[in-house]
Amino acid sequence: MRTRGLFFVVVLLALAALVVAGCAPEAEQPESSTPEAEETEEEEEEGAPAAPAAETYEMDLQAWPGGGSYLEQIKMFAGRVEEMSAGRIDVTVHAGGELCPSTKEFEALESGAIEWGATCFNFNLGRFGKVAGLFGAMPCGPNPTELYSWLEEGGERDLINACMDMSDTDVMVVGGMLHLAGAESFGWFKEPINSLDDFNGMKYRCMGLYGDVAQKLGASVVNLPGGEIYQAFERGVIDGFEYCTPSMDFAAGFQDLDAVMHEPGLQSTNAMCRLMVRQDTWDKVPADLKPIIDAASRMSMIDHAWIHMQDAAAMIEFQAMGVEVHQLPADVQEEVYKLVDEVHKDNCAADPFYKEVYEAQQDFLDKYRIVEYKVQPSYEWKY
């Protein structure tokens, strides 16, 4: 019995020891002091290293002179470029004359004085030949949507590139058109034009291919920068002039002249310029940014919608101010058209490339206008 009792005492004492051990606090584990553990902790605290900041491209672009809707359209293009690139392209738009003489952007591009320019072919007929007038604001030519369509769907871009190659220049045209607008007003004259004889002997400020038409009309063509037109007319240096679209004419203050405004804009059925850049400059643009610049320039129909309403507002304002707006008689319009056709025939005979471009353009317009004139209704009778 004593042996059995001793056994039970020993068992009870062992169980008690186990209970005490189980209730004791857990011993603290020693901290790891290995280099690998320390590195892991530092990485967790600091996080992964930040990716390098994306490169920003600086684009200095000289365009149209300030004080009108054309330059505002260039700024709209610049805004698209910056937004579409998420700020990686920083565009500074310079009004004409800030970096080089206004309208001389192409010369400055070739000399390296500037790297980017928004300019038009009509300013550079001496450099490219009269064929360049077919790529811009031409008399009795395509309207803005027709010109835009010819560029994007009708092969004009290939012809422009061919023209640049033939001119052996280091300057290239990128993308679409900038400051795309509708017809420019036919002009401002001392008296209403009612016959072709009214042009005979006139000192007439005009430009581009229409200058050749004006000479056929018997006018004396005067070349003047836009900024000198107002005073030249006021002082009698010129008897008549054409300039830009109604909103641009309004910004120039022509409504204050003692002059009669004339429509429609046969002499220039659209207004626009091209984005030009030196080849070596383009080569330095980061590859992923080039498509952004190209795409932003092709969105010029947005700008066209904006300036169209600016021109409409200007015409309403002209009317409210009592400006006399004279519509050219139908027979005068038809005769002007015939003279324009003569100029094209003369130029086609003198230059095979002019003939190639002109015939390509007219072939495209003949097809495009099947819808424009036969399917799309017209409402001239209402106005």
Protein backbone atom coordinates (compact mmCIF):
# COMPACT_ATOMS: atom_id res chain seq x y z
CA MET A 1 0.00 0.00 0.00
CA ARG A 2 2.83 2.38 0.92
CA THR A 3 4.43 1.72 -2.48
CA ARG A 4 1.20 2.47 -4.36
CA GLY A 5 0.69 5.69 -2.40
CA LEU A 6 4.24 6.85 -3.11
CA PHE A 7 3.64 6.25 -6.84
CA PHE A 8 0.55 8.49 -6.85
CA VAL A 9 2.46 11.30 -5.10
CA VAL A 10 5.24 11.18 -7.71
CA VAL A 11 2.67 11.32 -10.57
CA LEU A 12 0.89 14.30 -9.01
CA LEU A 13 4.15 16.20 -8.59
CA ALA A 14 5.10 15.55 -12.28
CA LEU A 15 1.72 16.82 -13.49
CA ALA A 16 2.04 19.94 -11.39
CA ALA A 17 5.46 20.63 -12.88
CA LEU A 18 4.06 20.35 -16.39
CA VAL A 19 1.23 22.78 -15.63
CA VAL A 20 3.64 25.33 -14.20
CA ALA A 21 5.91 25.03 -17.24
CA GLY A 22 2.99 25.50 -19.66
CA CYS A 23 1.86 28.69 -17.93
CA ALA A 24 5.30 30.28 -17.92
CA PRO A 25 5.86 33.22 -20.37
CA GLU A 26 7.46 32.36 -23.71
CA ALA A 27 11.12 33.23 -23.91
CA GLU A 28 11.98 36.11 -26.32
CA GLN A 29 13.68 35.06 -29.55
CA PRO A 30 17.05 36.67 -30.21
CA GLU A 31 16.98 39.26 -33.09
CA SER A 32 18.75 38.25 -36.28
CA SER A 33 21.86 40.26 -36.88
CA THR A 34 22.88 38.82 -40.26
CA PRO A 35 23.68 41.34 -43.06
CA GLU A 36 21.03 39.75 -45.30
CA ALA A 37 18.31 40.40 -42.70
CA GLU A 38 19.42 44.02 -42.23
CA GLU A 39 19.31 44.62 -46.01
CA THR A 40 15.80 43.18 -46.25
CA GLU A 41 14.55 45.45 -43.48
CA GLU A 42 16.09 48.55 -45.10
CA GLU A 43 14.51 47.70 -48.48
CA GLU A 44 11.11 47.27 -46.82
CA GLU A 45 11.44 50.67 -45.15
CA GLU A 46 12.76 52.59 -48.17
CA GLY A 47 10.82 50.81 -50.97
CA ALA A 48 11.99 50.21 -54.57
CA PRO A 49 14.10 52.96 -56.18
CA ALA A 50 12.04 55.51 -58.23
CA ALA A 51 12.13 55.26 -62.03
CA PRO A 52 14.07 58.05 -63.76
CA ALA A 53 11.95 61.03 -64.83
CA ALA A 54 10.79 60.95 -68.48
CA GLU A 55 12.71 63.23 -70.82
CA THR A 56 11.01 66.54 -71.70
CA TYR A 57 11.34 67.86 -75.24
CA GLU A 58 11.43 71.64 -75.77
CA MET A 59 9.74 72.82 -78.97
CA ASP A 60 10.16 76.48 -80.03
CA LEU A 61 7.74 77.24 -82.85
CA GLN A 62 7.44 80.51 -84.78
CA ALA A 63 4.11 81.05 -86.51
CA TRP A 64 1.72 83.75 -87.68
CA PRO A 65 1.99 87.30 -86.27
CA GLY A 66 -0.04 88.00 -83.14
CA GLY A 67 -3.32 89.84 -82.83
CA GLY A 68 -5.68 87.49 -84.65
CA SER A 69 -7.37 84.11 -84.77
CA TYR A 70 -4.66 82.39 -86.85
CA LEU A 71 -2.11 82.51 -84.03
CA GLU A 72 -4.77 81.38 -81.56
CA GLN A 73 -5.25 78.26 -83.70
CA ILE A 74 -1.51 77.56 -83.53
CA LYS A 75 -1.76 77.81 -79.75
CA MET A 76 -4.60 75.28 -79.84
CA PHE A 77 -2.26 72.88 -81.65
CA ALA A 78 0.43 73.51 -79.04
CA GLY A 79 -2.04 72.78 -76.25
CA ARG A 80 -2.97 69.46 -77.85
CA VAL A 81 0.67 68.46 -78.14
CA GLU A 82 1.34 69.19 -74.49
CA GLU A 83 -1.82 67.42 -73.29
CA MET A 84 -1.38 64.35 -75.49
CA SER A 85 2.24 64.00 -74.37
CA ALA A 86 1.29 64.38 -70.69
CA GLY A 87 3.64 67.36 -70.48
CA ARG A 88 6.64 65.62 -71.99
CA ILE A 89 6.62 68.11 -74.88
CA ASP A 90 6.84 71.76 -73.88
CA VAL A 91 5.78 73.99 -76.78
CA THR A 92 6.59 77.69 -76.87
CA VAL A 93 4.69 79.49 -79.62
CA HIS A 94 6.41 82.61 -80.95
CA ALA A 95 4.44 85.15 -82.95
CA GLY A 96 5.83 86.01 -86.37
CA GLY A 97 8.83 88.32 -86.06
CA GLU A 98 9.98 87.16 -82.63
CA LEU A 99 12.65 84.71 -83.80
CA CYS A 100 12.99 85.71 -87.46
CA PRO A 101 11.19 88.08 -89.86
CA SER A 102 7.52 87.21 -90.27
CA THR A 103 6.71 85.05 -93.34
CA LYS A 104 10.44 84.23 -93.65
CA GLU A 105 10.24 81.11 -91.49
CA PHE A 106 11.28 78.74 -94.28
CA GLU A 107 14.43 80.72 -95.00
CA ALA A 108 15.22 80.72 -91.27
CA LEU A 109 14.67 76.96 -91.10
CA GLU A 110 17.09 76.34 -93.95
CA SER A 111 19.73 78.59 -92.41
CA GLY A 112 19.30 77.02 -88.98
CA ALA A 113 18.15 80.26 -87.34
CA ILE A 114 15.03 78.44 -86.14
CA GLU A 115 14.20 74.73 -85.78
CA TRP A 116 10.39 74.71 -86.02
CA GLY A 117 8.12 76.90 -88.12
CA ALA A 118 4.44 77.14 -89.00
CA THR A 119 4.43 78.69 -92.45
CA CYS A 120 2.74 78.33 -95.81
CA PHE A 121 3.96 77.49 -99.28
CA ASN A 122 2.51 80.70 -100.72
CA PHE A 123 5.20 82.67 -98.89
CA ASN A 124 7.86 80.65 -100.71
CA LEU A 125 6.93 80.48 -104.38
CA GLY A 126 10.35 81.84 -105.21
CA ARG A 127 11.98 78.86 -103.50
CA PHE A 128 9.68 76.07 -104.72
CA GLY A 129 8.22 77.50 -107.90
CA LYS A 130 4.57 78.24 -108.62
CA VAL A 131 3.63 74.61 -107.99
CA ALA A 132 3.83 75.35 -104.28
CA GLY A 133 0.77 77.56 -104.67
CA LEU A 134 -1.27 74.41 -105.26
CA PHE A 135 -0.46 73.24 -101.72
CA GLY A 136 -1.98 76.26 -100.06
CA ALA A 137 -4.52 79.01 -100.41
CA MET A 138 -5.12 79.03 -104.16
CA PRO A 139 -7.69 80.95 -106.23
CA CYS A 140 -10.92 79.11 -107.06
CA GLY A 141 -9.48 76.07 -105.32
CA PRO A 142 -10.62 73.50 -102.77
CA ASN A 143 -12.49 74.51 -99.65
CA PRO A 144 -11.07 73.51 -96.22
CA THR A 145 -12.72 70.08 -96.03
CA GLU A 146 -11.73 69.29 -99.61
CA LEU A 147 -8.13 70.32 -98.96
CA TYR A 148 -8.02 68.32 -95.73
CA SER A 149 -9.41 65.28 -97.53
CA TRP A 150 -6.94 65.64 -100.39
CA LEU A 151 -4.09 65.57 -97.88
CA GLU A 152 -5.39 62.61 -95.89
CA GLU A 153 -7.05 60.53 -98.61
CA GLY A 154 -6.04 61.88 -102.01
CA GLY A 155 -2.25 61.70 -102.15
CA GLU A 156 -1.33 65.35 -101.55
CA ARG A 157 1.17 64.37 -98.82
CA ASP A 158 3.22 62.32 -101.30
CA LEU A 159 3.25 65.23 -103.75
CA ILE A 160 4.41 67.63 -101.02
CA ASN A 161 7.23 65.27 -100.09
CA ALA A 162 8.20 65.03 -103.75
CA CYS A 163 8.26 68.83 -103.97
CA MET A 164 10.53 69.02 -100.91
CA ASP A 165 12.86 66.38 -102.36
CA MET A 166 13.09 68.20 -105.68
CA SER A 167 14.01 71.38 -103.82
CA ASP A 168 16.97 69.68 -102.13
CA THR A 169 16.18 71.09 -98.71
CA ASP A 170 16.96 69.91 -95.18
CA VAL A 171 13.46 71.00 -94.10
CA MET A 172 10.54 68.58 -93.91
CA VAL A 173 6.77 68.89 -93.50
CA VAL A 174 5.27 67.03 -90.54
CA GLY A 175 1.69 65.82 -90.20
CA GLY A 176 -1.34 67.80 -91.24
CA MET A 177 -2.33 71.46 -91.60
CA LEU A 178 -2.27 74.15 -88.93
CA HIS A 179 -4.72 77.07 -88.54
CA LEU A 180 -7.04 75.54 -91.15
CA ALA A 181 -9.72 78.10 -92.05
CA GLY A 182 -12.29 78.89 -94.71
CA ALA A 183 -12.13 81.32 -97.59
CA GLU A 184 -10.46 84.67 -97.08
CA SER A 185 -12.60 87.69 -97.91
CA PHE A 186 -12.22 88.76 -101.54
CA GLY A 187 -10.96 92.12 -100.43
CA TRP A 188 -11.54 95.76 -99.57
CA PHE A 189 -11.80 98.43 -102.26
CA LYS A 190 -12.54 102.14 -102.55
CA GLU A 191 -15.61 101.47 -104.67
CA PRO A 192 -17.77 98.40 -105.43
CA ILE A 193 -16.37 96.11 -108.13
CA ASN A 194 -19.05 95.57 -110.79
CA SER A 195 -16.97 94.63 -113.84
CA LEU A 196 -13.49 93.40 -114.71
CA ASP A 197 -12.69 96.88 -116.02
CA ASP A 198 -12.74 98.15 -112.43
CA PHE A 199 -9.44 96.32 -111.82
CA ASN A 200 -7.63 98.00 -114.69
CA GLY A 201 -4.83 100.23 -113.38
CA MET A 202 -5.64 99.41 -109.76
CA LYS A 203 -2.78 99.31 -107.25
CA TYR A 204 -3.73 95.97 -105.77
CA ARG A 205 -2.21 94.21 -102.77
CA CYS A 206 -2.55 90.44 -103.27
CA MET A 207 -0.32 87.37 -103.21
CA GLY A 208 0.25 83.83 -104.39
CA LEU A 209 -1.09 82.49 -107.66
CA TYR A 210 -3.84 85.09 -107.54
CA GLY A 211 -1.19 87.72 -108.21
CA ASP A 212 -0.89 86.32 -111.74
CA VAL A 213 -4.67 86.57 -112.13
CA ALA A 214 -4.62 90.19 -110.92
CA GLN A 215 -2.05 91.04 -113.57
CA LYS A 216 -4.30 89.53 -116.23
CA LEU A 217 -7.04 91.81 -114.86
CA GLY A 218 -4.81 94.79 -115.60
CA ALA A 219 -3.97 95.56 -111.97
CA SER A 220 -0.57 96.58 -110.66
CA VAL A 221 0.28 94.01 -108.00
CA VAL A 222 1.80 95.40 -104.80
CA ASN A 223 3.53 93.14 -102.29
CA LEU A 224 3.02 94.31 -98.72
CA PRO A 225 3.28 92.61 -95.32
CA GLY A 226 -0.08 92.32 -93.57
CA GLY A 227 0.91 94.81 -90.90
CA GLU A 228 1.41 97.57 -93.49
CA ILE A 229 -1.90 97.22 -95.35
CA TYR A 230 -4.04 99.54 -93.23
CA GLN A 231 -1.82 102.60 -93.54
CA ALA A 232 -1.00 101.89 -97.19
CA PHE A 233 -4.69 101.95 -98.09
CA GLU A 234 -5.36 104.98 -95.93
CA ARG A 235 -2.55 106.93 -97.63
CA GLY A 236 -3.49 105.86 -101.16
CA VAL A 237 -0.42 103.67 -101.70
CA ILE A 238 -2.86 100.92 -102.70
CA ASP A 239 -6.41 101.11 -104.06
CA GLY A 240 -7.54 97.68 -102.95
CA PHE A 241 -6.29 94.63 -101.10
CA GLU A 242 -7.06 91.12 -99.96
CA TYR A 243 -5.82 89.82 -96.63
CA CYS A 244 -7.42 87.06 -94.57
CA THR A 245 -10.66 85.62 -93.23
CA PRO A 246 -13.31 87.94 -91.72
CA SER A 247 -12.14 87.50 -88.12
CA MET A 248 -8.58 88.37 -89.10
CA ASP A 249 -9.78 91.37 -91.12
CA PHE A 250 -11.79 92.53 -88.12
CA ALA A 251 -8.77 92.16 -85.81
CA ALA A 252 -6.77 94.29 -88.30
CA GLY A 253 -9.37 97.06 -87.99
CA PHE A 254 -10.33 97.25 -91.67
CA GLN A 255 -13.90 98.10 -90.70
CA ASP A 256 -12.58 101.54 -89.75
CA LEU A 257 -11.32 102.23 -93.27
CA ASP A 258 -13.34 104.11 -95.84
CA ALA A 259 -13.67 100.94 -97.91
CA VAL A 260 -16.19 98.47 -99.30
CA MET A 261 -15.81 94.83 -98.24
CA HIS A 262 -16.19 92.29 -101.07
CA GLU A 263 -17.24 88.63 -101.11
CA PRO A 264 -17.02 85.75 -101.93
CA GLY A 265 -13.37 84.79 -101.44
CA LEU A 266 -12.59 83.48 -104.91
CA GLN A 267 -8.96 84.53 -104.67
CA SER A 268 -8.24 82.28 -101.68
CA THR A 269 -10.73 79.52 -100.92
CA ASN A 270 -8.99 78.37 -97.75
CA ALA A 271 -6.31 79.48 -95.33
CA MET A 272 -3.77 77.29 -93.60
CA CYS A 273 -0.08 76.65 -93.00
CA ARG A 274 2.18 73.63 -92.62
CA LEU A 275 4.25 72.44 -89.69
CA MET A 276 7.87 72.48 -90.89
CA VAL A 277 11.00 71.36 -89.11
CA ARG A 278 14.66 70.84 -89.87
CA GLN A 279 15.48 67.19 -90.57
CA ASP A 280 18.28 67.14 -88.00
CA THR A 281 15.88 68.60 -85.42
CA TRP A 282 13.26 65.96 -86.17
CA ASP A 283 15.88 63.22 -85.80
CA LYS A 284 16.49 64.34 -82.20
CA VAL A 285 12.83 64.14 -81.16
CA PRO A 286 12.29 61.03 -78.96
CA ALA A 287 10.76 58.26 -81.05
CA ASP A 288 7.67 57.90 -78.86
CA LEU A 289 6.90 61.63 -79.11
CA LYS A 290 6.99 61.91 -82.91
CA PRO A 291 3.56 60.25 -83.43
CA ILE A 292 2.05 62.68 -80.90
CA ILE A 293 3.23 65.74 -82.82
CA ASP A 294 2.02 64.18 -86.07
CA ALA A 295 -1.41 63.28 -84.66
CA ALA A 296 -1.94 66.66 -82.99
CA SER A 297 -1.30 68.46 -86.29
CA ARG A 298 -3.84 66.27 -88.11
CA MET A 299 -6.61 67.37 -85.73
CA SER A 300 -6.93 70.74 -87.46
CA MET A 301 -10.62 70.26 -88.21
CA ILE A 302 -11.17 71.11 -84.52
CA ASP A 303 -9.43 74.44 -85.10
CA HIS A 304 -11.42 74.94 -88.29
CA ALA A 305 -14.72 74.59 -86.42
CA TRP A 306 -13.55 77.21 -83.92
CA ILE A 307 -12.38 79.81 -86.47
CA HIS A 308 -15.46 79.27 -88.62
CA MET A 309 -17.57 80.59 -85.76
CA GLN A 310 -15.06 83.41 -85.17
CA ASP A 311 -15.52 84.42 -88.80
CA ALA A 312 -19.29 84.21 -88.44
CA ALA A 313 -19.15 86.48 -85.39
CA ALA A 314 -16.99 88.95 -87.33
CA MET A 315 -19.46 89.08 -90.23
CA ILE A 316 -22.30 89.76 -87.78
CA GLU A 317 -20.25 92.53 -86.20
CA PHE A 318 -19.42 94.06 -89.59
CA GLN A 319 -23.13 94.19 -90.36
CA ALA A 320 -23.94 95.74 -86.98
CA MET A 321 -21.30 98.42 -87.57
CA GLY A 322 -22.77 99.33 -90.95
CA VAL A 323 -19.86 98.01 -93.05
CA GLU A 324 -20.89 97.77 -96.70
CA VAL A 325 -20.48 94.19 -97.92
CA HIS A 326 -20.66 93.89 -101.70
CA GLN A 327 -21.19 90.57 -103.49
CA LEU A 328 -19.29 90.31 -106.75
CA PRO A 329 -21.75 90.01 -109.65
CA ALA A 330 -22.09 86.46 -110.97
CA ASP A 331 -20.60 87.38 -114.37
CA VAL A 332 -17.52 88.88 -112.68
CA GLN A 333 -17.07 85.72 -110.61
CA GLU A 334 -17.29 83.59 -113.74
CA GLU A 335 -14.74 85.73 -115.58
CA VAL A 336 -12.33 85.57 -112.65
CA TYR A 337 -12.69 81.77 -112.66
CA LYS A 338 -11.82 81.67 -116.38
CA LEU A 339 -8.70 83.76 -115.79
CA VAL A 340 -7.66 81.42 -112.96
CA ASP A 341 -8.03 78.51 -115.37
CA GLU A 342 -5.79 80.33 -117.86
CA VAL A 343 -3.10 80.76 -115.21
CA HIS A 344 -3.20 77.03 -114.44
CA LYS A 345 -2.90 76.16 -118.14
CA ASP A 346 0.10 78.50 -118.52
CA ASN A 347 1.80 76.99 -115.49
CA CYS A 348 1.08 73.41 -116.58
CA ALA A 349 2.67 74.13 -119.95
CA ALA A 350 5.77 75.61 -118.29
CA ASP A 351 6.31 73.01 -115.54
CA PRO A 352 5.63 69.24 -115.82
CA PHE A 353 5.51 68.85 -112.04
CA TYR A 354 2.93 71.65 -111.78
CA LYS A 355 0.88 69.76 -114.36
CA GLU A 356 1.20 66.51 -112.38
CA VAL A 357 0.10 68.12 -109.11
CA TYR A 358 -2.71 70.16 -110.64
CA GLU A 359 -4.19 67.22 -112.54
CA ALA A 360 -3.96 65.01 -109.43
CA GLN A 361 -5.76 67.65 -107.41
CA GLN A 362 -8.51 68.17 -109.97
CA ASP A 363 -9.02 64.43 -110.41
CA PHE A 364 -9.49 64.08 -106.65
CA LEU A 365 -11.90 67.04 -106.48
CA ASP A 366 -13.98 65.68 -109.37
CA LYS A 367 -14.54 62.48 -107.38
CA TYR A 368 -15.00 64.20 -104.01
CA ARG A 369 -17.57 66.63 -105.37
CA ILE A 370 -19.83 63.87 -106.67
CA VAL A 371 -21.06 63.72 -103.08
CA GLU A 372 -20.44 67.38 -102.27
CA TYR A 373 -22.57 68.78 -105.09
CA LYS A 374 -24.97 65.97 -105.98
CA VAL A 375 -25.78 64.32 -102.65
CA GLN A 376 -25.15 67.06 -100.11
CA PRO A 377 -27.92 69.69 -100.27
CA SER A 378 -27.13 73.38 -100.66
CA TYR A 379 -29.06 76.25 -99.08
CA GLU A 380 -27.77 79.41 -100.79
CA TRP A 381 -31.38 80.33 -101.59
CA LYS A 382 -32.06 80.81 -97.88
CA TYR A 383 -29.33 83.43 -97.45
